[in-house]
Amino acid sequence: LFQELIGARREPTLSPISVILLDVLLKAVLPFKNTHQFWVYWFQEALPDVNHASQKRALRRPTIKSTDLHEAGKGYKSISKSLDVHVSMVRQTVYKWRKFSTVATVPRHGRPVKMTARAQHGMLNEVKKNPRVSAKDLQKSLAHANIFVDISTIRKTLNKKVVKLPCCSMVSFDR
């Protein structure tokens, strides 16, 4: 990364502002042993607290400080008192640091949904209008809305909503 930054500084197409920013970044990053120390410095010293974005970063500061204090041997209660945050926040932050080696939000577990609630509602409206519509036709209409799902997903969704296709004339929508 450092070599790329140094190489990028020599590019003739860079504007003077970009060169200045690269110089500042290189001076800021090079003295640190690892990226964690750099980010601790960045959040604590380098960023001014003037706008909403920096206020959000200020909320993240106790999490970074709490990991450093815990590694220094302090307990949860003493860390929470010194940083003026709740003990459970310190405990959760230390757990996250131990398990994932980061205090950033990690992706959730489980399989993501394929159809949004809005897409499901639109599909159910189409079925209300025409109860004998096929799953393939529903798939095509969803594709027009840039929602690409398999026919089996459509059938499973309709079965969850207690819709019988195409044999039944009565359609019920339970929530």
Protein backbone atom coordinates (compact mmCIF):
# COMPACT_ATOMS: atom_id res chain seq x y z
CA LEU A 1 0.00 0.00 0.00
CA PHE A 2 2.77 2.41 0.90
CA GLN A 3 4.60 1.68 -2.32
CA GLU A 4 1.41 2.33 -4.29
CA LEU A 5 0.93 5.66 -2.51
CA ILE A 6 4.53 6.67 -3.14
CA GLY A 7 4.21 5.63 -6.80
CA ALA A 8 0.91 7.51 -7.13
CA ARG A 9 2.55 10.69 -5.83
CA ARG A 10 4.90 10.72 -8.82
CA GLU A 11 2.05 10.56 -11.36
CA PRO A 12 2.11 13.68 -13.58
CA THR A 13 -1.70 13.69 -13.94
CA LEU A 14 -2.37 14.34 -10.24
CA SER A 15 -3.62 17.75 -9.22
CA PRO A 16 -1.61 19.74 -6.67
CA ILE A 17 -4.29 19.14 -4.04
CA SER A 18 -4.05 15.37 -4.57
CA VAL A 19 -0.27 15.53 -4.16
CA ILE A 20 -0.67 17.45 -0.89
CA LEU A 21 -3.25 14.95 0.39
CA LEU A 22 -0.98 12.03 -0.50
CA ASP A 23 1.93 13.71 1.31
CA VAL A 24 -0.20 14.18 4.42
CA LEU A 25 -1.41 10.58 4.26
CA LEU A 26 2.12 9.23 3.84
CA LYS A 27 3.39 11.31 6.76
CA ALA A 28 0.46 10.11 8.86
CA VAL A 29 0.69 6.40 8.05
CA LEU A 30 4.43 5.74 7.94
CA PRO A 31 5.27 6.29 11.67
CA PHE A 32 2.81 3.62 12.87
CA LYS A 33 3.63 -0.06 13.37
CA ASN A 34 0.23 -1.33 12.28
CA THR A 35 -3.06 -0.06 10.90
CA HIS A 36 -4.83 -0.31 14.27
CA GLN A 37 -2.46 2.26 15.78
CA PHE A 38 -3.00 4.53 12.78
CA TRP A 39 -6.79 4.40 13.09
CA VAL A 40 -6.63 5.03 16.83
CA TYR A 41 -4.55 8.12 16.10
CA TRP A 42 -6.83 9.14 13.23
CA PHE A 43 -10.04 9.00 15.29
CA GLN A 44 -8.53 10.56 18.42
CA GLU A 45 -6.19 13.27 17.16
CA ALA A 46 -6.45 14.01 13.46
CA LEU A 47 -10.18 14.52 12.94
CA PRO A 48 -11.79 17.75 14.14
CA ASP A 49 -15.24 17.50 15.73
CA VAL A 50 -17.14 19.98 13.56
CA ASN A 51 -19.80 18.18 11.53
CA HIS A 52 -22.23 15.28 11.78
CA ALA A 53 -19.84 12.77 10.22
CA SER A 54 -17.16 13.54 12.78
CA GLN A 55 -19.75 13.23 15.56
CA LYS A 56 -20.49 9.72 14.30
CA ARG A 57 -16.78 8.98 14.38
CA ALA A 58 -16.64 10.41 17.90
CA LEU A 59 -19.19 7.81 18.96
CA ARG A 60 -16.84 5.10 17.68
CA ARG A 61 -13.88 6.41 19.68
CA PRO A 62 -14.82 4.73 22.98
CA THR A 63 -14.90 1.37 21.20
CA ILE A 64 -11.34 1.78 19.94
CA LYS A 65 -10.14 3.14 23.28
CA SER A 66 -11.85 0.35 25.19
CA THR A 67 -9.96 -2.32 23.25
CA ASP A 68 -6.67 -0.56 23.97
CA LEU A 69 -7.49 -0.19 27.67
CA HIS A 70 -8.57 -3.84 27.90
CA GLU A 71 -5.34 -4.97 26.28
CA ALA A 72 -3.52 -2.83 28.86
CA GLY A 73 -5.13 -4.98 31.58
CA LYS A 74 -8.03 -2.82 32.81
CA GLY A 75 -11.40 -4.33 33.68
CA TYR A 76 -14.81 -3.65 32.15
CA LYS A 77 -16.03 -1.44 35.01
CA SER A 78 -12.94 0.75 35.13
CA ILE A 79 -13.01 1.16 31.34
CA SER A 80 -16.70 2.08 31.35
CA LYS A 81 -16.15 4.66 34.11
CA SER A 82 -13.15 6.23 32.42
CA LEU A 83 -14.84 6.44 29.00
CA ASP A 84 -18.32 7.22 30.41
CA VAL A 85 -20.01 4.42 28.47
CA HIS A 86 -22.11 1.47 29.62
CA VAL A 87 -20.39 -1.71 30.78
CA SER A 88 -22.29 -3.80 28.24
CA MET A 89 -20.91 -1.64 25.41
CA VAL A 90 -17.36 -2.26 26.63
CA ARG A 91 -18.05 -5.99 26.99
CA GLN A 92 -19.58 -6.20 23.51
CA THR A 93 -16.70 -4.23 21.98
CA VAL A 94 -14.04 -6.40 23.60
CA TYR A 95 -15.89 -9.55 22.49
CA LYS A 96 -16.10 -8.25 18.93
CA TRP A 97 -12.39 -7.31 18.96
CA ARG A 98 -11.40 -10.77 20.23
CA LYS A 99 -13.60 -12.69 17.82
CA PHE A 100 -13.33 -10.63 14.60
CA SER A 101 -10.22 -8.46 15.21
CA THR A 102 -12.25 -5.36 14.36
CA VAL A 103 -14.75 -3.07 16.05
CA ALA A 104 -16.58 -2.29 12.81
CA THR A 105 -20.03 -3.69 12.16
CA VAL A 106 -19.72 -7.16 10.64
CA PRO A 107 -22.21 -8.67 8.17
CA ARG A 108 -25.22 -10.37 9.67
CA HIS A 109 -25.73 -14.12 9.68
CA GLY A 110 -28.36 -15.97 7.73
CA ARG A 111 -29.48 -16.02 4.15
CA PRO A 112 -30.59 -12.68 2.71
CA VAL A 113 -34.13 -12.32 1.41
CA LYS A 114 -34.62 -12.55 -2.34
CA MET A 115 -37.78 -10.44 -2.60
CA THR A 116 -38.50 -7.27 -0.69
CA ALA A 117 -41.81 -6.79 1.09
CA ARG A 118 -42.79 -4.28 -1.58
CA ALA A 119 -42.16 -6.80 -4.37
CA GLN A 120 -44.16 -9.44 -2.51
CA HIS A 121 -47.04 -7.02 -2.07
CA GLY A 122 -47.01 -6.15 -5.78
CA MET A 123 -46.98 -9.82 -6.70
CA LEU A 124 -49.93 -10.50 -4.40
CA ASN A 125 -51.83 -7.62 -5.99
CA GLU A 126 -51.28 -9.21 -9.39
CA VAL A 127 -52.62 -12.49 -8.06
CA LYS A 128 -55.66 -10.68 -6.63
CA LYS A 129 -56.38 -9.20 -10.05
CA ASN A 130 -55.91 -12.50 -11.85
CA PRO A 131 -55.94 -15.59 -9.61
CA ARG A 132 -55.10 -17.86 -12.56
CA VAL A 133 -51.81 -16.14 -13.40
CA SER A 134 -48.86 -18.51 -13.73
CA ALA A 135 -45.66 -18.33 -11.72
CA LYS A 136 -43.73 -17.83 -14.96
CA ASP A 137 -45.81 -14.72 -15.76
CA LEU A 138 -45.21 -13.42 -12.25
CA GLN A 139 -41.50 -14.01 -12.76
CA LYS A 140 -41.57 -11.94 -15.95
CA SER A 141 -43.46 -9.09 -14.29
CA LEU A 142 -40.97 -9.06 -11.42
CA ALA A 143 -38.11 -9.03 -13.92
CA HIS A 144 -39.52 -5.78 -15.34
CA ALA A 145 -39.05 -4.32 -11.84
CA ASN A 146 -35.40 -5.56 -11.79
CA ILE A 147 -36.19 -8.33 -9.30
CA PHE A 148 -34.81 -11.60 -10.63
CA VAL A 149 -36.03 -14.61 -8.67
CA ASP A 150 -36.57 -18.26 -9.46
CA ILE A 151 -40.05 -19.66 -10.08
CA SER A 152 -39.70 -21.85 -6.99
CA THR A 153 -39.13 -18.71 -4.88
CA ILE A 154 -42.37 -17.24 -6.24
CA ARG A 155 -44.28 -20.44 -5.47
CA LYS A 156 -42.85 -20.63 -1.94
CA THR A 157 -43.74 -16.99 -1.31
CA LEU A 158 -47.30 -17.49 -2.53
CA ASN A 159 -47.66 -20.65 -0.43
CA LYS A 160 -46.49 -18.73 2.63
CA LYS A 161 -49.22 -16.20 1.97
CA VAL A 162 -51.80 -19.05 1.62
CA VAL A 163 -52.46 -18.59 -2.08
CA LYS A 164 -53.45 -21.58 -4.15
CA LEU A 165 -52.62 -21.33 -7.83
CA PRO A 166 -54.17 -21.91 -10.38
CA CYS A 167 -56.77 -24.51 -9.41
CA CYS A 168 -58.71 -22.56 -6.77
CA SER A 169 -61.03 -19.71 -7.54
CA MET A 170 -60.93 -18.44 -3.96
CA VAL A 171 -57.78 -16.60 -2.94
CA SER A 172 -57.09 -15.73 0.70
CA PHE A 173 -54.36 -13.41 1.95
CA ASP A 174 -53.59 -13.94 5.61
CA ARG A 175 -51.05 -11.79 7.33
